[in-house]
Amino acid sequence: MDFEPDIIARIDEVLHQSGAPTLTQLLAHQSKLLRAILRRGKIRNDTEFYIVSSVLSDTSADRPESETAALGSMSLAYEQKS
């Protein structure tokens, strides 16, 4: 998702006003979960699988090849387990 910072700020404000988590908070949480998955080297549940899948499908992100390969391997292992 490539929104301009002012758009993100407006989205955050609307979400905050309604009592919902902001987009910035959600993205920070997703980033934290992704780092934990990479440290652990294993996907534990469907939520983590969907996070990894969304990261792998984001071709606009500049991600190291080693990280992409590790996530791909973890994703495949989780799919085969299920």
PDB file of N, CA and C in Angstrom:
ATOM      1  N   MET A   1       0.860  -1.160   0.000  1.00  0.00           N
ATOM      2  CA  MET A   1       0.000   0.000   0.000  1.00  0.00           C
ATOM      3  C   MET A   1       0.908   1.224   0.000  1.00  0.00           C
ATOM      4  N   ASP A   2       0.785   2.052  -0.991  1.00  0.00           N
ATOM      5  CA  ASP A   2       1.640   3.223  -1.137  1.00  0.00           C
ATOM      6  C   ASP A   2       0.829   4.501  -1.050  1.00  0.00           C
ATOM      7  N   PHE A   3       0.396   4.853   0.167  1.00  0.00           N
ATOM      8  CA  PHE A   3      -0.335   6.097   0.376  1.00  0.00           C
ATOM      9  C   PHE A   3       0.645   7.189   0.768  1.00  0.00           C
ATOM     10  N   GLU A   4       0.335   8.396   0.399  1.00  0.00           N
ATOM     11  CA  GLU A   4       1.121   9.546   0.824  1.00  0.00           C
ATOM     12  C   GLU A   4       0.932   9.734   2.330  1.00  0.00           C
ATOM     13  N   PRO A   5       1.941  10.280   3.007  1.00  0.00           N
ATOM     14  CA  PRO A   5       1.848  10.465   4.465  1.00  0.00           C
ATOM     15  C   PRO A   5       0.624  11.263   4.914  1.00  0.00           C
ATOM     16  N   ASP A   6       0.206  12.264   4.143  1.00  0.00           N
ATOM     17  CA  ASP A   6      -0.968  13.044   4.562  1.00  0.00           C
ATOM     18  C   ASP A   6      -2.248  12.222   4.463  1.00  0.00           C
ATOM     19  N   ILE A   7      -2.309  11.315   3.499  1.00  0.00           N
ATOM     20  CA  ILE A   7      -3.473  10.417   3.376  1.00  0.00           C
ATOM     21  C   ILE A   7      -3.503   9.464   4.574  1.00  0.00           C
ATOM     22  N   ILE A   8      -2.353   8.910   4.913  1.00  0.00           N
ATOM     23  CA  ILE A   8      -2.276   7.999   6.061  1.00  0.00           C
ATOM     24  C   ILE A   8      -2.689   8.731   7.335  1.00  0.00           C
ATOM     25  N   ALA A   9      -2.240   9.958   7.490  1.00  0.00           N
ATOM     26  CA  ALA A   9      -2.606  10.744   8.680  1.00  0.00           C
ATOM     27  C   ALA A   9      -4.113  10.951   8.742  1.00  0.00           C
ATOM     28  N   ARG A  10      -4.737  11.218   7.605  1.00  0.00           N
ATOM     29  CA  ARG A  10      -6.197  11.398   7.600  1.00  0.00           C
ATOM     30  C   ARG A  10      -6.926  10.092   7.913  1.00  0.00           C
ATOM     31  N   ILE A  11      -6.450   8.997   7.337  1.00  0.00           N
ATOM     32  CA  ILE A  11      -7.049   7.684   7.623  1.00  0.00           C
ATOM     33  C   ILE A  11      -6.904   7.371   9.111  1.00  0.00           C
ATOM     34  N   ASP A  12      -5.696   7.600   9.644  1.00  0.00           N
ATOM     35  CA  ASP A  12      -5.454   7.363  11.072  1.00  0.00           C
ATOM     36  C   ASP A  12      -6.416   8.177  11.940  1.00  0.00           C
ATOM     37  N   GLU A  13      -6.615   9.425  11.582  1.00  0.00           N
ATOM     38  CA  GLU A  13      -7.493  10.296  12.365  1.00  0.00           C
ATOM     39  C   GLU A  13      -8.926   9.784  12.362  1.00  0.00           C
ATOM     40  N   VAL A  14      -9.422   9.373  11.195  1.00  0.00           N
ATOM     41  CA  VAL A  14     -10.791   8.852  11.099  1.00  0.00           C
ATOM     42  C   VAL A  14     -10.922   7.575  11.926  1.00  0.00           C
ATOM     43  N   LEU A  15      -9.945   6.691  11.803  1.00  0.00           N
ATOM     44  CA  LEU A  15      -9.994   5.445  12.574  1.00  0.00           C
ATOM     45  C   LEU A  15      -9.914   5.726  14.076  1.00  0.00           C
ATOM     46  N   HIS A  16      -9.021   6.631  14.459  1.00  0.00           N
ATOM     47  CA  HIS A  16      -8.881   6.988  15.873  1.00  0.00           C
ATOM     48  C   HIS A  16     -10.185   7.571  16.421  1.00  0.00           C
ATOM     49  N   GLN A  17     -10.806   8.458  15.666  1.00  0.00           N
ATOM     50  CA  GLN A  17     -12.069   9.083  16.084  1.00  0.00           C
ATOM     51  C   GLN A  17     -13.166   8.042  16.299  1.00  0.00           C
ATOM     52  N   SER A  18     -13.112   6.967  15.510  1.00  0.00           N
ATOM     53  CA  SER A  18     -14.150   5.941  15.644  1.00  0.00           C
ATOM     54  C   SER A  18     -13.794   4.887  16.692  1.00  0.00           C
ATOM     55  N   GLY A  19     -12.615   5.032  17.298  1.00  0.00           N
ATOM     56  CA  GLY A  19     -12.214   4.086  18.337  1.00  0.00           C
ATOM     57  C   GLY A  19     -11.530   2.841  17.809  1.00  0.00           C
ATOM     58  N   ALA A  20     -11.254   2.818  16.517  1.00  0.00           N
ATOM     59  CA  ALA A  20     -10.601   1.663  15.904  1.00  0.00           C
ATOM     60  C   ALA A  20      -9.084   1.852  15.922  1.00  0.00           C
ATOM     61  N   PRO A  21      -8.346   0.755  15.833  1.00  0.00           N
ATOM     62  CA  PRO A  21      -6.892   0.893  15.718  1.00  0.00           C
ATOM     63  C   PRO A  21      -6.554   1.648  14.424  1.00  0.00           C
ATOM     64  N   THR A  22      -5.518   2.453  14.474  1.00  0.00           N
ATOM     65  CA  THR A  22      -5.136   3.213  13.289  1.00  0.00           C
ATOM     66  C   THR A  22      -4.364   2.333  12.309  1.00  0.00           C
ATOM     67  N   LEU A  23      -4.286   2.789  11.082  1.00  0.00           N
ATOM     68  CA  LEU A  23      -3.527   2.080  10.061  1.00  0.00           C
ATOM     69  C   LEU A  23      -2.055   1.989  10.479  1.00  0.00           C
ATOM     70  N   THR A  24      -1.540   3.063  11.029  1.00  0.00           N
ATOM     71  CA  THR A  24      -0.154   3.078  11.490  1.00  0.00           C
ATOM     72  C   THR A  24       0.070   2.028  12.582  1.00  0.00           C
ATOM     73  N   GLN A  25      -0.867   1.908  13.508  1.00  0.00           N
ATOM     74  CA  GLN A  25      -0.751   0.903  14.565  1.00  0.00           C
ATOM     75  C   GLN A  25      -0.806  -0.507  13.986  1.00  0.00           C
ATOM     76  N   LEU A  26      -1.703  -0.727  13.046  1.00  0.00           N
ATOM     77  CA  LEU A  26      -1.831  -2.053  12.436  1.00  0.00           C
ATOM     78  C   LEU A  26      -0.569  -2.438  11.672  1.00  0.00           C
ATOM     79  N   LEU A  27      -0.011  -1.490  10.927  1.00  0.00           N
ATOM     80  CA  LEU A  27       1.210  -1.772  10.173  1.00  0.00           C
ATOM     81  C   LEU A  27       2.394  -2.027  11.101  1.00  0.00           C
ATOM     82  N   ALA A  28       2.472  -1.287  12.204  1.00  0.00           N
ATOM     83  CA  ALA A  28       3.542  -1.499  13.177  1.00  0.00           C
ATOM     84  C   ALA A  28       3.423  -2.878  13.815  1.00  0.00           C
ATOM     85  N   HIS A  29       2.200  -3.275  14.125  1.00  0.00           N
ATOM     86  CA  HIS A  29       1.960  -4.595  14.716  1.00  0.00           C
ATOM     87  C   HIS A  29       2.337  -5.690  13.720  1.00  0.00           C
ATOM     88  N   GLN A  30       1.962  -5.518  12.467  1.00  0.00           N
ATOM     89  CA  GLN A  30       2.293  -6.503  11.436  1.00  0.00           C
ATOM     90  C   GLN A  30       3.811  -6.611  11.290  1.00  0.00           C
ATOM     91  N   SER A  31       4.494  -5.492  11.314  1.00  0.00           N
ATOM     92  CA  SER A  31       5.949  -5.484  11.202  1.00  0.00           C
ATOM     93  C   SER A  31       6.597  -6.223  12.373  1.00  0.00           C
ATOM     94  N   LYS A  32       6.067  -6.001  13.561  1.00  0.00           N
ATOM     95  CA  LYS A  32       6.583  -6.675  14.763  1.00  0.00           C
ATOM     96  C   LYS A  32       6.379  -8.186  14.661  1.00  0.00           C
ATOM     97  N   LEU A  33       5.200  -8.601  14.200  1.00  0.00           N
ATOM     98  CA  LEU A  33       4.924 -10.032  14.033  1.00  0.00           C
ATOM     99  C   LEU A  33       5.842 -10.649  12.983  1.00  0.00           C
ATOM    100  N   LEU A  34       6.071  -9.924  11.901  1.00  0.00           N
ATOM    101  CA  LEU A  34       6.941 -10.438  10.843  1.00  0.00           C
ATOM    102  C   LEU A  34       8.362 -10.637  11.374  1.00  0.00           C
ATOM    103  N   ARG A  35       8.875  -9.689  12.136  1.00  0.00           N
ATOM    104  CA  ARG A  35      10.213  -9.844  12.724  1.00  0.00           C
ATOM    105  C   ARG A  35      10.269 -11.064  13.637  1.00  0.00           C
ATOM    106  N   ALA A  36       9.205 -11.290  14.406  1.00  0.00           N
ATOM    107  CA  ALA A  36       9.164 -12.459  15.300  1.00  0.00           C
ATOM    108  C   ALA A  36       9.157 -13.755  14.500  1.00  0.00           C
ATOM    109  N   ILE A  37       8.400 -13.788  13.418  1.00  0.00           N
ATOM    110  CA  ILE A  37       8.341 -14.978  12.564  1.00  0.00           C
ATOM    111  C   ILE A  37       9.724 -15.258  11.979  1.00  0.00           C
ATOM    112  N   LEU A  38      10.388 -14.213  11.501  1.00  0.00           N
ATOM    113  CA  LEU A  38      11.721 -14.388  10.916  1.00  0.00           C
ATOM    114  C   LEU A  38      12.718 -14.885  11.962  1.00  0.00           C
ATOM    115  N   ARG A  39      12.664 -14.343  13.185  1.00  0.00           N
ATOM    116  CA  ARG A  39      13.563 -14.799  14.253  1.00  0.00           C
ATOM    117  C   ARG A  39      13.311 -16.266  14.587  1.00  0.00           C
ATOM    118  N   ARG A  40      12.035 -16.627  14.676  1.00  0.00           N
ATOM    119  CA  ARG A  40      11.643 -17.981  15.042  1.00  0.00           C
ATOM    120  C   ARG A  40      11.921 -18.965  13.915  1.00  0.00           C
ATOM    121  N   GLY A  41      11.755 -18.519  12.681  1.00  0.00           N
ATOM    122  CA  GLY A  41      11.980 -19.382  11.524  1.00  0.00           C
ATOM    123  C   GLY A  41      10.835 -20.322  11.226  1.00  0.00           C
ATOM    124  N   LYS A  42       9.663 -19.997  11.751  1.00  0.00           N
ATOM    125  CA  LYS A  42       8.516 -20.895  11.592  1.00  0.00           C
ATOM    126  C   LYS A  42       7.212 -20.115  11.720  1.00  0.00           C
ATOM    127  N   ILE A  43       6.249 -20.467  10.881  1.00  0.00           N
ATOM    128  CA  ILE A  43       4.907 -19.895  10.967  1.00  0.00           C
ATOM    129  C   ILE A  43       4.091 -20.781  11.893  1.00  0.00           C
ATOM    130  N   ARG A  44       3.458 -20.173  12.905  1.00  0.00           N
ATOM    131  CA  ARG A  44       2.727 -20.950  13.913  1.00  0.00           C
ATOM    132  C   ARG A  44       1.244 -21.111  13.643  1.00  0.00           C
ATOM    133  N   ASN A  45       0.626 -20.153  12.941  1.00  0.00           N
ATOM    134  CA  ASN A  45      -0.825 -20.214  12.780  1.00  0.00           C
ATOM    135  C   ASN A  45      -1.259 -19.512  11.498  1.00  0.00           C
ATOM    136  N   ASP A  46      -2.554 -19.559  11.232  1.00  0.00           N
ATOM    137  CA  ASP A  46      -3.078 -18.976   9.991  1.00  0.00           C
ATOM    138  C   ASP A  46      -2.854 -17.468   9.915  1.00  0.00           C
ATOM    139  N   THR A  47      -2.966 -16.773  11.034  1.00  0.00           N
ATOM    140  CA  THR A  47      -2.740 -15.319  11.029  1.00  0.00           C
ATOM    141  C   THR A  47      -1.331 -15.009  10.555  1.00  0.00           C
ATOM    142  N   GLU A  48      -0.354 -15.707  11.111  1.00  0.00           N
ATOM    143  CA  GLU A  48       1.029 -15.501  10.682  1.00  0.00           C
ATOM    144  C   GLU A  48       1.213 -15.883   9.217  1.00  0.00           C
ATOM    145  N   PHE A  49       0.546 -16.944   8.796  1.00  0.00           N
ATOM    146  CA  PHE A  49       0.631 -17.356   7.394  1.00  0.00           C
ATOM    147  C   PHE A  49       0.109 -16.254   6.476  1.00  0.00           C
ATOM    148  N   TYR A  50      -1.007 -15.636   6.832  1.00  0.00           N
ATOM    149  CA  TYR A  50      -1.569 -14.569   6.000  1.00  0.00           C
ATOM    150  C   TYR A  50      -0.667 -13.339   5.982  1.00  0.00           C
ATOM    151  N   ILE A  51      -0.011 -13.047   7.093  1.00  0.00           N
ATOM    152  CA  ILE A  51       0.941 -11.933   7.122  1.00  0.00           C
ATOM    153  C   ILE A  51       2.102 -12.221   6.173  1.00  0.00           C
ATOM    154  N   VAL A  52       2.667 -13.411   6.267  1.00  0.00           N
ATOM    155  CA  VAL A  52       3.781 -13.783   5.391  1.00  0.00           C
ATOM    156  C   VAL A  52       3.331 -13.774   3.933  1.00  0.00           C
ATOM    157  N   SER A  53       2.155 -14.301   3.651  1.00  0.00           N
ATOM    158  CA  SER A  53       1.647 -14.321   2.280  1.00  0.00           C
ATOM    159  C   SER A  53       1.490 -12.911   1.724  1.00  0.00           C
ATOM    160  N   SER A  54       0.997 -11.996   2.542  1.00  0.00           N
ATOM    161  CA  SER A  54       0.814 -10.626   2.062  1.00  0.00           C
ATOM    162  C   SER A  54       2.158  -9.951   1.817  1.00  0.00           C
ATOM    163  N   VAL A  55       3.130 -10.247   2.654  1.00  0.00           N
ATOM    164  CA  VAL A  55       4.470  -9.691   2.456  1.00  0.00           C
ATOM    165  C   VAL A  55       5.083 -10.236   1.171  1.00  0.00           C
ATOM    166  N   LEU A  56       4.936 -11.531   0.941  1.00  0.00           N
ATOM    167  CA  LEU A  56       5.500 -12.137  -0.260  1.00  0.00           C
ATOM    168  C   LEU A  56       4.822 -11.649  -1.539  1.00  0.00           C
ATOM    169  N   SER A  57       3.553 -11.305  -1.452  1.00  0.00           N
ATOM    170  CA  SER A  57       2.840 -10.842  -2.650  1.00  0.00           C
ATOM    171  C   SER A  57       3.051  -9.355  -2.927  1.00  0.00           C
ATOM    172  N   ASP A  58       3.673  -8.634  -1.991  1.00  0.00           N
ATOM    173  CA  ASP A  58       3.948  -7.209  -2.179  1.00  0.00           C
ATOM    174  C   ASP A  58       5.247  -7.048  -2.957  1.00  0.00           C
ATOM    175  N   THR A  59       5.124  -6.944  -4.269  1.00  0.00           N
ATOM    176  CA  THR A  59       6.307  -6.858  -5.124  1.00  0.00           C
ATOM    177  C   THR A  59       6.936  -5.467  -5.106  1.00  0.00           C
ATOM    178  N   SER A  60       6.273  -4.495  -4.508  1.00  0.00           N
ATOM    179  CA  SER A  60       6.829  -3.137  -4.470  1.00  0.00           C
ATOM    180  C   SER A  60       7.821  -2.954  -3.326  1.00  0.00           C
ATOM    181  N   ALA A  61       7.820  -3.873  -2.370  1.00  0.00           N
ATOM    182  CA  ALA A  61       8.715  -3.746  -1.210  1.00  0.00           C
ATOM    183  C   ALA A  61      10.137  -4.147  -1.586  1.00  0.00           C
ATOM    184  N   ASP A  62      11.090  -3.403  -1.077  1.00  0.00           N
ATOM    185  CA  ASP A  62      12.501  -3.700  -1.301  1.00  0.00           C
ATOM    186  C   ASP A  62      12.980  -4.577  -0.152  1.00  0.00           C
ATOM    187  N   ARG A  63      12.849  -5.885  -0.326  1.00  0.00           N
ATOM    188  CA  ARG A  63      13.157  -6.846   0.727  1.00  0.00           C
ATOM    189  C   ARG A  63      14.379  -7.657   0.306  1.00  0.00           C
ATOM    190  N   PRO A  64      15.308  -7.917   1.230  1.00  0.00           N
ATOM    191  CA  PRO A  64      16.473  -8.736   0.877  1.00  0.00           C
ATOM    192  C   PRO A  64      16.052 -10.109   0.346  1.00  0.00           C
ATOM    193  N   GLU A  65      16.773 -10.593  -0.644  1.00  0.00           N
ATOM    194  CA  GLU A  65      16.461 -11.889  -1.251  1.00  0.00           C
ATOM    195  C   GLU A  65      16.493 -13.010  -0.215  1.00  0.00           C
ATOM    196  N   SER A  66      17.421 -12.937   0.725  1.00  0.00           N
ATOM    197  CA  SER A  66      17.518 -13.986   1.750  1.00  0.00           C
ATOM    198  C   SER A  66      16.260 -14.014   2.621  1.00  0.00           C
ATOM    199  N   GLU A  67      15.713 -12.834   2.916  1.00  0.00           N
ATOM    200  CA  GLU A  67      14.484 -12.757   3.717  1.00  0.00           C
ATOM    201  C   GLU A  67      13.300 -13.300   2.928  1.00  0.00           C
ATOM    202  N   THR A  68      13.213 -12.924   1.667  1.00  0.00           N
ATOM    203  CA  THR A  68      12.135 -13.418   0.813  1.00  0.00           C
ATOM    204  C   THR A  68      12.199 -14.939   0.695  1.00  0.00           C
ATOM    205  N   ALA A  69      13.399 -15.469   0.521  1.00  0.00           N
ATOM    206  CA  ALA A  69      13.569 -16.926   0.411  1.00  0.00           C
ATOM    207  C   ALA A  69      13.166 -17.619   1.709  1.00  0.00           C
ATOM    208  N   ALA A  70      13.566 -17.053   2.848  1.00  0.00           N
ATOM    209  CA  ALA A  70      13.216 -17.648   4.143  1.00  0.00           C
ATOM    210  C   ALA A  70      11.699 -17.640   4.343  1.00  0.00           C
ATOM    211  N   LEU A  71      11.065 -16.518   4.025  1.00  0.00           N
ATOM    212  CA  LEU A  71       9.607 -16.437   4.166  1.00  0.00           C
ATOM    213  C   LEU A  71       8.911 -17.412   3.226  1.00  0.00           C
ATOM    214  N   GLY A  72       9.429 -17.533   2.007  1.00  0.00           N
ATOM    215  CA  GLY A  72       8.850 -18.477   1.050  1.00  0.00           C
ATOM    216  C   GLY A  72       8.942 -19.910   1.548  1.00  0.00           C
ATOM    217  N   SER A  73      10.090 -20.272   2.108  1.00  0.00           N
ATOM    218  CA  SER A  73      10.269 -21.626   2.653  1.00  0.00           C
ATOM    219  C   SER A  73       9.333 -21.894   3.826  1.00  0.00           C
ATOM    220  N   MET A  74       9.211 -20.903   4.708  1.00  0.00           N
ATOM    221  CA  MET A  74       8.311 -21.064   5.857  1.00  0.00           C
ATOM    222  C   MET A  74       6.865 -21.192   5.396  1.00  0.00           C
ATOM    223  N   SER A  75       6.490 -20.411   4.396  1.00  0.00           N
ATOM    224  CA  SER A  75       5.133 -20.446   3.872  1.00  0.00           C
ATOM    225  C   SER A  75       4.820 -21.809   3.269  1.00  0.00           C
ATOM    226  N   LEU A  76       5.745 -22.323   2.491  1.00  0.00           N
ATOM    227  CA  LEU A  76       5.561 -23.643   1.867  1.00  0.00           C
ATOM    228  C   LEU A  76       5.465 -24.735   2.927  1.00  0.00           C
ATOM    229  N   ALA A  77       6.324 -24.668   3.938  1.00  0.00           N
ATOM    230  CA  ALA A  77       6.287 -25.664   5.017  1.00  0.00           C
ATOM    231  C   ALA A  77       4.954 -25.618   5.754  1.00  0.00           C
ATOM    232  N   TYR A  78       4.439 -24.423   5.992  1.00  0.00           N
ATOM    233  CA  TYR A  78       3.158 -24.302   6.694  1.00  0.00           C
ATOM    234  C   TYR A  78       2.010 -24.842   5.836  1.00  0.00           C
ATOM    235  N   GLU A  79       2.047 -24.535   4.544  1.00  0.00           N
ATOM    236  CA  GLU A  79       0.994 -25.042   3.647  1.00  0.00           C
ATOM    237  C   GLU A  79       1.006 -26.565   3.593  1.00  0.00           C
ATOM    238  N   GLN A  80       2.183 -27.159   3.554  1.00  0.00           N
ATOM    239  CA  GLN A  80       2.292 -28.607   3.472  1.00  0.00           C
ATOM    240  C   GLN A  80       1.854 -29.278   4.770  1.00  0.00           C
ATOM    241  N   LYS A  81       2.031 -28.579   5.884  1.00  0.00           N
ATOM    242  CA  LYS A  81       1.618 -29.100   7.190  1.00  0.00           C
ATOM    243  C   LYS A  81       0.105 -29.111   7.327  1.00  0.00           C
ATOM    244  N   SER A  82      -0.541 -28.120   6.749  1.00  0.00           N
ATOM    245  CA  SER A  82      -1.995 -27.963   6.922  1.00  0.00           C
ATOM    246  C   SER A  82      -2.794 -28.930   6.113  1.00  0.00           C
TER     247      SER A  82
END
